[in-house]
C-alpha atoms as a PDB file:
ATOM      1  CA  MET A   1      56.651 -22.427  44.607  1.00  0.00           C
ATOM      2  CA  SER A   2      58.270 -21.373  42.145  1.00  0.00           C
ATOM      3  CA  TYR A   3      61.391 -19.021  41.014  1.00  0.00           C
ATOM      4  CA  GLN A   4      61.033 -15.790  39.414  1.00  0.00           C
ATOM      5  CA  ASP A   5      63.641 -14.054  37.565  1.00  0.00           C
ATOM      6  CA  LEU A   6      64.401 -11.071  38.818  1.00  0.00           C
ATOM      7  CA  THR A   7      63.425  -7.762  36.647  1.00  0.00           C
ATOM      8  CA  TYR A   8      66.599  -5.679  35.224  1.00  0.00           C
ATOM      9  CA  GLU A   9      65.208  -2.586  37.650  1.00  0.00           C
ATOM     10  CA  LYS A  10      65.358  -5.129  40.711  1.00  0.00           C
ATOM     11  CA  HIS A  11      68.965  -6.450  39.386  1.00  0.00           C
ATOM     12  CA  HIS A  12      70.202  -2.678  39.424  1.00  0.00           C
ATOM     13  CA  THR A  13      68.649  -1.480  42.638  1.00  0.00           C
ATOM     14  CA  THR A  14      70.517  -5.039  43.938  1.00  0.00           C
ATOM     15  CA  SER A  15      73.574  -3.764  42.620  1.00  0.00           C
ATOM     16  CA  THR A  16      72.917  -0.573  44.159  1.00  0.00           C
ATOM     17  CA  LEU A  17      72.118  -1.139  47.324  1.00  0.00           C
ATOM     18  CA  ARG A  18      74.935  -3.764  47.417  1.00  0.00           C
ATOM     19  CA  ARG A  19      77.472  -1.207  46.644  1.00  0.00           C
ATOM     20  CA  ASN A  20      76.293   0.936  48.985  1.00  0.00           C
ATOM     21  CA  GLY A  21      77.106  -1.995  52.092  1.00  0.00           C
ATOM     22  CA  SER A  22      73.627  -3.001  52.423  1.00  0.00           C
ATOM     23  CA  LYS A  23      73.534  -6.304  53.874  1.00  0.00           C
ATOM     24  CA  PRO A  24      71.082  -9.401  52.164  1.00  0.00           C
ATOM     25  CA  SER A  25      68.796  -8.972  54.489  1.00  0.00           C
ATOM     26  CA  HIS A  26      67.909  -4.874  53.843  1.00  0.00           C
ATOM     27  CA  ILE A  27      68.015  -5.636  50.152  1.00  0.00           C
ATOM     28  CA  ALA A  28      65.766  -8.362  50.385  1.00  0.00           C
ATOM     29  CA  SER A  29      63.416  -6.241  52.633  1.00  0.00           C
ATOM     30  CA  GLN A  30      63.763  -2.976  49.993  1.00  0.00           C
ATOM     31  CA  LEU A  31      62.642  -5.454  47.019  1.00  0.00           C
ATOM     32  CA  GLY A  32      59.895  -7.356  48.817  1.00  0.00           C
ATOM     33  CA  LEU A  33      61.304 -10.419  48.656  1.00  0.00           C
ATOM     34  CA  HIS A  34      62.691 -13.098  50.940  1.00  0.00           C
ATOM     35  CA  VAL A  35      66.466 -12.692  52.373  1.00  0.00           C
ATOM     36  CA  SER A  36      67.212 -16.445  50.404  1.00  0.00           C
ATOM     37  CA  THR A  37      66.351 -15.052  47.011  1.00  0.00           C
ATOM     38  CA  ILE A  38      68.918 -11.860  47.203  1.00  0.00           C
ATOM     39  CA  ASN A  39      71.431 -14.566  49.076  1.00  0.00           C
ATOM     40  CA  ARG A  40      70.829 -17.094  46.143  1.00  0.00           C
ATOM     41  CA  GLU A  41      70.961 -14.044  43.484  1.00  0.00           C
ATOM     42  CA  LEU A  42      74.321 -13.114  44.777  1.00  0.00           C
ATOM     43  CA  ARG A  43      75.644 -16.437  44.859  1.00  0.00           C
ATOM     44  CA  ARG A  44      74.607 -17.124  41.444  1.00  0.00           C
ATOM     45  CA  ASN A  45      75.071 -13.988  39.450  1.00  0.00           C
ATOM     46  CA  ALA A  46      78.639 -12.952  41.097  1.00  0.00           C
ATOM     47  CA  THR A  47      81.370 -11.503  38.888  1.00  0.00           C
ATOM     48  CA  LEU A  48      84.305 -13.037  38.354  1.00  0.00           C
ATOM     49  CA  GLU A  49      86.041 -10.977  40.892  1.00  0.00           C
ATOM     50  CA  GLY A  50      83.086 -11.976  43.208  1.00  0.00           C
ATOM     51  CA  GLY A  51      81.544  -8.971  42.698  1.00  0.00           C
ATOM     52  CA  TYR A  52      77.562  -7.837  41.865  1.00  0.00           C
ATOM     53  CA  GLN A  53      77.089  -5.925  38.827  1.00  0.00           C
ATOM     54  CA  TYR A  54      73.404  -5.311  37.501  1.00  0.00           C
ATOM     55  CA  ARG A  55      74.164  -5.430  33.871  1.00  0.00           C
ATOM     56  CA  TYR A  56      76.112  -8.951  34.290  1.00  0.00           C
ATOM     57  CA  ALA A  57      73.754 -10.517  36.600  1.00  0.00           C
ATOM     58  CA  HIS A  58      71.262  -9.133  34.021  1.00  0.00           C
ATOM     59  CA  SER A  59      72.540 -11.474  31.128  1.00  0.00           C
ATOM     60  CA  LYS A  60      73.311 -14.240  33.365  1.00  0.00           C
ATOM     61  CA  ALA A  61      69.665 -14.810  34.108  1.00  0.00           C
ATOM     62  CA  ARG A  62      68.567 -13.925  30.360  1.00  0.00           C
ATOM     63  CA  GLN A  63      71.062 -16.497  29.011  1.00  0.00           C
ATOM     64  CA  ARG A  64      69.555 -19.212  31.552  1.00  0.00           C
ATOM     65  CA  SER A  65      66.494 -18.553  30.472  1.00  0.00           C
ATOM     66  CA  LEU A  66      66.970 -18.868  27.573  1.00  0.00           C
ATOM     67  CA  LEU A  67      68.579 -22.503  28.127  1.00  0.00           C
ATOM     68  CA  ALA A  68      65.483 -23.420  29.780  1.00  0.00           C
ATOM     69  CA  ASP A  69      63.248 -22.766  26.916  1.00  0.00           C
END
């Protein structure tokens, strides 16, 4: 099993659904992903205040990707 980064669009959709009160299971089903992927995404890319913003999440994911290369 390999890890695949979320696209910018999936970060945006996750942020929008989360802001509207959707639970991780609903977000996962909307994106065709496993709920553990969404839970990990929300945890790894949370803002300092504990929220989730797609631009911040995408930026953190890109930074991790560049460090892994």
